[in-house]
Amino acid sequence: MNITTNRNENMALVVSEKGVNTVIRHWIRVLNVKVGWIHDFDKVVFNYVKRSICKLCSESQLKEFLMSTHSKQTRYFKLLKTLQTQGAAVRSVKFSADGRTIVSSERVIRLWDVASGNIIQTFSGHSGSINAVKFSPDENIIASGADDNTIRLWDVKSKHEVAKIQGEVYTWDVNFSPDGKYLVSSSSQNRIPLWDLKSGSIVGSFIGHSGGINNVQFSSDGQMIVSSSLDKTIGIWDVHSRERLKELIGHNDMVIRAEFSPDNRFVVSCSSDRTIRIWNVGSGKEVKKIEGHSGIISAVKYFPDGNTIASCSSDKTIRLWDVKSGREIQKLEGHFRWITGIDISSDGHTIVSGSSDFTIRLWSDSISSNK
């Protein structure tokens, strides 16, 4: 695109797209802008164009130039499709490793094909609401935890229940170890049982919280577990010794979710206090506090590159945050009730969200959309 304007006795100035892009790339390096996010890109373009030629072109020309300069490498998430459940609030959503399938839970478990939006399979058997579903590392098994005091394992290929682990109370979360041999679960009890999946028995417990535990997750190397609790704290545990390595204190209300960063060096947490916090695993210190949601934050998740965080809330929004600055990058709106859970595809290009509005929504970035 060329912008041609008249100034000082109709002198014409032509600004080439190539020239602008050259300067933009220089600014990106100098200002250390994280390329890829549309608002950072816009900021650089506007600063350059406004300072250089704002007196030489109209506002409409400037906007037209900006839109034409957005490339396939500019990321901006938008609603891709909506999957309708059968009149039930969605409690949990999770991508398969290849991003082609989603597992979700209500009072039943559903497998969805991402491309078509169709239900592949429905698993029934729990007698209460299903609070969590997870794929095993090899994706042959789905684990579910529910209000009927059971954890169940389902074979994806045979489409049958293959194991039932009887608990004592409602199960709030389940997570596989990276090798697929063990499972951790959380509940209203203040201990975290470690289950051997071959025998179905508890082989150890992590004890230290003074309240119920909302979620548990293994680190990607299988050496640690992170837990979030009603007691307003986060625990980091050694898998082998069962000892608590760190107790992270700072939230002012119950911690709803805590997740390791991809490199296991940090933990991100969200709470009923409407804040997101980032913690250094080694020191146990809070390194950043992020605010912006106007409601309780239900879930928080790192993108695969570790540079961005996604969160969802009772305020009906999904928000994307820059890890380094803590700045909000984008706000996704479309759900009309509480958003209960989110997940991010392994390539980082798609977000799935589940809500009490009876829908699952898929959000895709411009890179994925333009492929």
Protein backbone atom coordinates (compact mmCIF):
# COMPACT_ATOMS: atom_id res chain seq x y z
CA MET A 1 0.00 0.00 0.00
CA ASN A 2 1.21 3.55 -0.74
CA ILE A 3 0.08 6.56 1.22
CA THR A 4 0.32 9.73 -0.84
CA THR A 5 -0.46 13.12 0.69
CA ASN A 6 0.01 16.75 -0.26
CA ARG A 7 1.75 19.23 1.97
CA ASN A 8 3.64 22.52 1.40
CA GLU A 9 2.50 23.48 -2.05
CA ASN A 10 1.23 20.00 -2.96
CA MET A 11 4.55 18.21 -2.42
CA ALA A 12 3.81 14.48 -2.61
CA LEU A 13 5.24 12.05 -0.09
CA VAL A 14 4.99 8.36 -0.79
CA VAL A 15 5.61 6.01 2.12
CA SER A 16 6.25 2.49 0.95
CA GLU A 17 5.14 -0.54 2.91
CA LYS A 18 8.67 -1.95 2.67
CA GLY A 19 10.13 1.19 4.20
CA VAL A 20 7.67 1.22 7.07
CA ASN A 21 8.27 -2.47 7.79
CA THR A 22 12.03 -1.88 7.92
CA VAL A 23 11.61 0.80 10.57
CA ILE A 24 9.05 -1.28 12.47
CA ARG A 25 11.47 -4.20 12.70
CA HIS A 26 14.12 -1.85 14.06
CA TRP A 27 11.73 -0.51 16.70
CA ILE A 28 10.74 -4.00 17.72
CA ARG A 29 14.38 -4.87 18.42
CA VAL A 30 15.08 -1.60 20.24
CA LEU A 31 11.91 -1.62 22.33
CA ASN A 32 11.99 -5.38 22.94
CA VAL A 33 8.38 -5.70 21.80
CA LYS A 34 7.12 -9.28 21.85
CA VAL A 35 6.27 -9.80 18.20
CA GLY A 36 3.13 -11.77 17.49
CA TRP A 37 0.51 -10.03 19.57
CA ILE A 38 -1.66 -7.69 17.59
CA HIS A 39 -1.80 -4.91 20.17
CA ASP A 40 1.99 -4.73 20.47
CA PHE A 41 2.19 -4.65 16.69
CA ASP A 42 -0.39 -1.88 16.51
CA LYS A 43 1.47 0.13 19.09
CA VAL A 44 4.69 0.08 17.11
CA VAL A 45 2.97 0.90 13.82
CA PHE A 46 0.96 3.76 15.27
CA ASN A 47 3.95 5.26 17.04
CA TYR A 48 6.00 5.19 13.86
CA VAL A 49 3.34 6.37 11.46
CA LYS A 50 1.91 9.04 13.75
CA ARG A 51 5.30 10.54 14.55
CA SER A 52 6.57 10.32 10.99
CA ILE A 53 3.63 11.08 8.72
CA CYS A 54 0.56 11.81 10.80
CA LYS A 55 0.50 15.34 9.41
CA LEU A 56 0.74 13.99 5.89
CA CYS A 57 -2.18 11.58 5.81
CA SER A 58 -5.73 11.28 7.06
CA GLU A 59 -6.85 9.13 9.99
CA SER A 60 -8.75 6.83 7.62
CA GLN A 61 -5.60 6.31 5.53
CA LEU A 62 -3.64 5.52 8.67
CA LYS A 63 -6.18 2.90 9.76
CA GLU A 64 -6.26 1.41 6.27
CA PHE A 65 -2.49 1.13 6.25
CA LEU A 66 -2.44 -0.53 9.66
CA MET A 67 -4.99 -3.16 8.66
CA SER A 68 -3.16 -3.94 5.43
CA THR A 69 0.14 -4.37 7.26
CA HIS A 70 -1.14 -7.02 9.68
CA SER A 71 0.50 -10.25 8.59
CA LYS A 72 -0.05 -13.91 9.22
CA GLN A 73 2.39 -13.61 12.12
CA THR A 74 0.11 -11.23 14.02
CA ARG A 75 -1.85 -13.08 16.68
CA TYR A 76 -5.38 -12.12 17.57
CA PHE A 77 -7.82 -14.67 18.98
CA LYS A 78 -11.40 -14.72 17.79
CA LEU A 79 -14.32 -17.10 18.19
CA LEU A 80 -13.97 -20.08 15.85
CA LYS A 81 -17.03 -22.14 16.78
CA THR A 82 -19.49 -22.91 19.54
CA LEU A 83 -20.29 -26.45 20.67
CA GLN A 84 -23.66 -26.88 22.33
CA THR A 85 -24.09 -29.30 25.23
CA GLN A 86 -27.43 -30.86 26.01
CA GLY A 87 -28.58 -28.40 28.65
CA ALA A 88 -25.80 -28.94 31.16
CA ALA A 89 -23.09 -26.71 32.60
CA VAL A 90 -19.59 -27.62 31.44
CA ARG A 91 -17.23 -28.25 34.33
CA SER A 92 -13.99 -29.28 32.62
CA VAL A 93 -12.42 -29.13 29.15
CA LYS A 94 -9.14 -30.55 27.88
CA PHE A 95 -7.39 -30.84 24.50
CA SER A 96 -5.76 -33.99 23.22
CA ALA A 97 -2.03 -33.61 22.48
CA ASP A 98 -2.59 -33.18 18.74
CA GLY A 99 -5.37 -30.64 19.30
CA ARG A 100 -7.85 -32.58 17.18
CA THR A 101 -10.03 -33.79 20.05
CA ILE A 102 -11.54 -32.24 23.17
CA VAL A 103 -12.78 -34.07 26.23
CA SER A 104 -15.39 -32.30 28.37
CA SER A 105 -17.42 -33.12 31.44
CA GLU A 106 -20.92 -32.34 32.74
CA ARG A 107 -22.87 -35.26 34.22
CA VAL A 108 -21.41 -37.28 31.35
CA ILE A 109 -18.08 -37.20 29.53
CA ARG A 110 -18.00 -36.20 25.88
CA LEU A 111 -15.34 -36.49 23.21
CA TRP A 112 -15.57 -33.83 20.51
CA ASP A 113 -13.99 -33.60 17.08
CA VAL A 114 -12.49 -30.11 16.83
CA ALA A 115 -12.69 -29.83 13.04
CA SER A 116 -16.37 -30.71 12.71
CA GLY A 117 -17.60 -29.78 16.17
CA ASN A 118 -19.37 -33.15 16.39
CA ILE A 119 -19.58 -35.44 19.41
CA ILE A 120 -17.44 -38.54 18.82
CA GLN A 121 -18.39 -40.44 21.95
CA THR A 122 -20.29 -40.07 25.22
CA PHE A 123 -19.19 -41.91 28.37
CA SER A 124 -21.82 -42.47 31.06
CA GLY A 125 -21.52 -44.07 34.47
CA HIS A 126 -20.95 -41.42 37.13
CA SER A 127 -23.97 -40.66 39.29
CA GLY A 128 -22.90 -37.11 40.13
CA SER A 129 -21.47 -34.06 38.42
CA ILE A 130 -18.05 -34.71 36.89
CA ASN A 131 -15.62 -32.07 38.07
CA ALA A 132 -12.49 -33.02 36.12
CA VAL A 133 -11.43 -35.00 33.06
CA LYS A 134 -7.90 -35.62 31.77
CA PHE A 135 -6.28 -37.64 28.99
CA SER A 136 -3.52 -40.06 29.96
CA PRO A 137 -0.11 -39.25 28.42
CA ASP A 138 -0.63 -41.89 25.70
CA GLU A 139 -4.23 -40.66 25.29
CA ASN A 140 -5.65 -44.18 25.44
CA ILE A 141 -7.32 -43.51 28.80
CA ILE A 142 -9.48 -40.72 30.19
CA ALA A 143 -9.57 -40.18 33.96
CA SER A 144 -12.56 -38.50 35.57
CA GLY A 145 -13.34 -37.36 39.09
CA ALA A 146 -16.88 -36.69 40.28
CA ASP A 147 -19.26 -35.87 43.09
CA ASP A 148 -20.21 -39.55 43.41
CA ASN A 149 -16.98 -40.11 45.39
CA THR A 150 -15.33 -42.04 42.56
CA ILE A 151 -12.48 -41.70 40.10
CA ARG A 152 -13.09 -43.63 36.90
CA LEU A 153 -10.88 -44.65 34.00
CA TRP A 154 -12.29 -44.95 30.49
CA ASP A 155 -10.73 -46.66 27.48
CA VAL A 156 -10.92 -44.31 24.50
CA LYS A 157 -10.80 -47.07 21.88
CA SER A 158 -13.19 -49.59 23.43
CA LYS A 159 -15.36 -46.74 24.80
CA HIS A 160 -15.86 -48.58 28.09
CA GLU A 161 -15.12 -47.93 31.74
CA VAL A 162 -12.04 -49.97 32.66
CA ALA A 163 -11.56 -49.08 36.33
CA LYS A 164 -13.35 -47.43 39.24
CA ILE A 165 -11.49 -46.13 42.27
CA GLN A 166 -13.70 -45.60 45.27
CA GLY A 167 -12.96 -42.51 47.31
CA GLU A 168 -14.43 -41.13 50.50
CA VAL A 169 -15.57 -37.68 49.34
CA TYR A 170 -16.23 -35.65 46.20
CA THR A 171 -13.27 -35.60 43.80
CA TRP A 172 -12.45 -32.11 42.55
CA ASP A 173 -9.45 -32.77 40.29
CA VAL A 174 -7.37 -35.59 38.81
CA ASN A 175 -4.03 -35.60 37.02
CA PHE A 176 -1.77 -38.25 35.53
CA SER A 177 1.95 -38.51 36.14
CA PRO A 178 3.97 -37.94 32.93
CA ASP A 179 4.75 -41.68 32.68
CA GLY A 180 1.06 -42.56 33.05
CA LYS A 181 1.65 -44.93 35.96
CA TYR A 182 0.19 -42.78 38.73
CA LEU A 183 -2.68 -40.43 39.37
CA VAL A 184 -3.10 -37.66 41.92
CA SER A 185 -6.49 -36.40 43.00
CA SER A 186 -7.86 -33.58 45.11
CA SER A 187 -10.98 -33.25 47.21
CA SER A 188 -12.50 -31.55 50.24
CA GLN A 189 -10.01 -33.50 52.34
CA ASN A 190 -6.72 -31.81 53.17
CA ARG A 191 -4.50 -34.56 51.78
CA ILE A 192 -3.50 -35.51 48.25
CA PRO A 193 -3.56 -39.25 47.53
CA LEU A 194 -1.15 -40.76 45.02
CA TRP A 195 -2.80 -43.68 43.23
CA ASP A 196 -1.01 -46.58 41.56
CA LEU A 197 -3.11 -47.16 38.45
CA LYS A 198 -2.07 -50.78 38.05
CA SER A 199 -3.31 -51.80 41.49
CA GLY A 200 -5.85 -49.01 42.05
CA SER A 201 -4.45 -48.45 45.54
CA ILE A 202 -3.02 -45.43 47.34
CA VAL A 203 0.78 -45.67 47.52
CA GLY A 204 1.34 -42.40 49.33
CA SER A 205 -0.19 -39.10 50.40
CA PHE A 206 0.90 -35.48 50.49
CA ILE A 207 -0.19 -33.92 53.77
CA GLY A 208 0.16 -30.32 54.90
CA HIS A 209 -2.78 -28.21 53.75
CA SER A 210 -5.29 -27.17 56.41
CA GLY A 211 -8.25 -27.09 54.02
CA GLY A 212 -9.70 -28.84 51.01
CA ILE A 213 -7.64 -28.95 47.84
CA ASN A 214 -9.04 -27.54 44.60
CA ASN A 215 -6.52 -28.80 42.09
CA VAL A 216 -3.30 -30.79 41.70
CA GLN A 217 -0.82 -31.04 38.86
CA PHE A 218 2.44 -32.88 38.17
CA SER A 219 5.43 -30.96 36.86
CA SER A 220 6.36 -31.97 33.32
CA ASP A 221 9.40 -33.92 34.59
CA GLY A 222 7.28 -35.81 37.14
CA GLN A 223 9.42 -34.71 40.08
CA MET A 224 7.01 -32.27 41.73
CA ILE A 225 3.33 -31.69 42.39
CA VAL A 226 1.64 -28.32 42.82
CA SER A 227 -1.64 -27.97 44.73
CA SER A 228 -4.10 -25.14 45.42
CA SER A 229 -6.22 -25.02 48.53
CA LEU A 230 -9.13 -23.50 50.39
CA ASP A 231 -6.56 -22.52 53.04
CA LYS A 232 -5.37 -19.71 50.68
CA THR A 233 -2.01 -21.38 50.03
CA ILE A 234 -0.25 -23.26 47.26
CA GLY A 235 1.88 -26.30 47.98
CA ILE A 236 4.86 -27.56 45.99
CA TRP A 237 5.69 -31.16 46.81
CA ASP A 238 8.50 -33.63 46.12
CA VAL A 239 6.93 -36.69 44.48
CA HIS A 240 9.43 -39.19 45.89
CA SER A 241 9.80 -38.01 49.49
CA ARG A 242 6.18 -36.67 49.72
CA GLU A 243 7.67 -33.66 51.52
CA ARG A 244 6.36 -30.16 50.96
CA LEU A 245 9.17 -28.18 49.34
CA LYS A 246 7.50 -24.78 49.41
CA GLU A 247 4.35 -23.18 50.78
CA LEU A 248 3.35 -20.18 48.68
CA ILE A 249 1.47 -17.57 50.71
CA GLY A 250 -0.03 -14.34 49.41
CA HIS A 251 -3.58 -14.83 48.16
CA ASN A 252 -6.31 -13.32 50.34
CA ASP A 253 -8.93 -15.97 49.58
CA MET A 254 -9.04 -19.60 48.51
CA VAL A 255 -6.71 -20.55 45.67
CA ILE A 256 -8.76 -22.11 42.89
CA ARG A 257 -6.01 -23.26 40.56
CA ALA A 258 -2.23 -23.47 40.32
CA GLU A 259 -0.20 -24.61 37.30
CA PHE A 260 3.49 -25.06 36.55
CA SER A 261 5.10 -23.08 33.76
CA PRO A 262 6.33 -25.23 30.84
CA ASP A 263 9.90 -25.16 32.20
CA ASN A 264 8.72 -25.85 35.80
CA ARG A 265 10.55 -22.77 37.10
CA PHE A 266 7.38 -20.87 37.93
CA VAL A 267 3.83 -21.46 39.13
CA VAL A 268 0.83 -19.36 38.15
CA SER A 269 -2.20 -19.29 40.44
CA CYS A 270 -5.67 -17.78 40.51
CA SER A 271 -7.99 -17.12 43.39
CA SER A 272 -11.36 -15.96 44.62
CA ASP A 273 -9.52 -12.75 45.55
CA ARG A 274 -9.68 -11.92 41.80
CA THR A 275 -5.92 -11.91 41.32
CA ILE A 276 -3.46 -13.96 39.33
CA ARG A 277 -0.04 -14.45 40.87
CA ILE A 278 3.22 -15.79 39.49
CA TRP A 279 5.65 -17.52 41.85
CA ASN A 280 9.28 -18.58 41.61
CA VAL A 281 9.43 -22.30 42.40
CA GLY A 282 13.03 -22.19 43.62
CA SER A 283 12.63 -19.33 46.07
CA GLY A 284 8.93 -19.67 46.81
CA LYS A 285 8.56 -15.92 46.34
CA GLU A 286 5.79 -14.09 44.52
CA VAL A 287 7.25 -12.37 41.46
CA LYS A 288 4.16 -10.80 39.94
CA LYS A 289 0.57 -9.96 40.83
CA ILE A 290 -1.90 -9.47 37.98
CA GLU A 291 -5.30 -7.81 38.34
CA GLY A 292 -8.04 -7.04 35.84
CA HIS A 293 -10.88 -9.54 36.16
CA SER A 294 -14.00 -8.21 37.86
CA GLY A 295 -15.08 -11.64 39.11
CA ILE A 296 -13.71 -14.82 40.64
CA ILE A 297 -10.99 -16.35 38.46
CA SER A 298 -11.86 -19.97 37.69
CA ALA A 299 -8.76 -21.17 35.87
CA VAL A 300 -5.39 -20.04 34.62
CA LYS A 301 -3.08 -21.64 32.09
CA TYR A 302 0.34 -21.01 30.54
CA PHE A 303 0.72 -20.98 26.79
CA PRO A 304 3.28 -23.57 25.57
CA ASP A 305 5.95 -20.89 25.04
CA GLY A 306 5.64 -19.76 28.67
CA ASN A 307 5.38 -16.10 27.67
CA THR A 308 1.61 -15.72 27.90
CA ILE A 309 -1.06 -16.71 30.41
CA ALA A 310 -4.77 -17.26 29.75
CA SER A 311 -7.39 -16.92 32.49
CA CYS A 312 -11.16 -17.22 32.74
CA SER A 313 -13.63 -15.86 35.22
CA SER A 314 -17.13 -15.50 36.55
CA ASP A 315 -17.06 -12.10 34.80
CA LYS A 316 -17.73 -14.09 31.57
CA THR A 317 -14.39 -13.20 29.97
CA ILE A 318 -11.18 -14.92 28.98
CA ARG A 319 -8.13 -12.72 29.26
CA LEU A 320 -4.63 -13.12 27.88
CA TRP A 321 -1.71 -11.67 29.82
CA ASP A 322 1.92 -11.00 29.06
CA VAL A 323 3.99 -12.85 31.66
CA LYS A 324 6.89 -10.39 31.70
CA SER A 325 4.91 -7.17 32.06
CA GLY A 326 1.67 -8.48 33.55
CA ARG A 327 -0.19 -6.44 30.96
CA GLU A 328 -3.51 -7.59 29.52
CA ILE A 329 -3.04 -8.49 25.86
CA GLN A 330 -6.57 -9.36 24.83
CA LYS A 331 -10.04 -9.92 26.29
CA LEU A 332 -12.30 -12.57 24.74
CA GLU A 333 -16.04 -12.15 25.18
CA GLY A 334 -18.91 -14.35 24.04
CA HIS A 335 -19.96 -16.58 26.93
CA PHE A 336 -22.94 -15.22 28.82
CA ARG A 337 -22.40 -17.08 32.11
CA TRP A 338 -19.51 -18.10 34.34
CA ILE A 339 -16.56 -19.59 32.41
CA THR A 340 -15.54 -22.65 34.39
CA GLY A 341 -12.44 -23.87 32.58
CA ILE A 342 -10.00 -23.34 29.73
CA ASP A 343 -7.25 -25.23 27.94
CA ILE A 344 -4.75 -24.34 25.23
CA SER A 345 -3.75 -26.54 22.31
CA SER A 346 -0.16 -27.78 22.24
CA ASP A 347 0.70 -25.48 19.31
CA GLY A 348 -0.69 -22.47 21.20
CA HIS A 349 -3.05 -21.44 18.40
CA THR A 350 -6.41 -22.53 19.86
CA ILE A 351 -8.13 -21.97 23.20
CA VAL A 352 -11.08 -24.05 24.39
CA SER A 353 -13.42 -22.76 27.10
CA GLY A 354 -16.30 -24.33 28.96
CA SER A 355 -19.10 -22.47 30.69
CA SER A 356 -22.23 -22.74 32.77
CA ASP A 357 -24.02 -21.26 29.72
CA PHE A 358 -24.11 -24.87 28.39
CA THR A 359 -21.52 -24.23 25.68
CA ILE A 360 -17.94 -25.02 24.78
CA ARG A 361 -16.26 -22.39 22.65
CA LEU A 362 -13.18 -22.62 20.48
CA TRP A 363 -11.07 -19.52 19.92
CA SER A 364 -8.45 -19.43 17.18
CA ASP A 365 -5.70 -16.94 16.46
CA SER A 366 -5.06 -15.30 13.12
CA ILE A 367 -2.01 -17.48 12.46
CA SER A 368 -4.10 -20.64 12.71
CA SER A 369 -6.96 -19.07 10.76
CA ASN A 370 -4.66 -18.11 7.89
CA LYS A 371 -2.96 -21.48 7.57
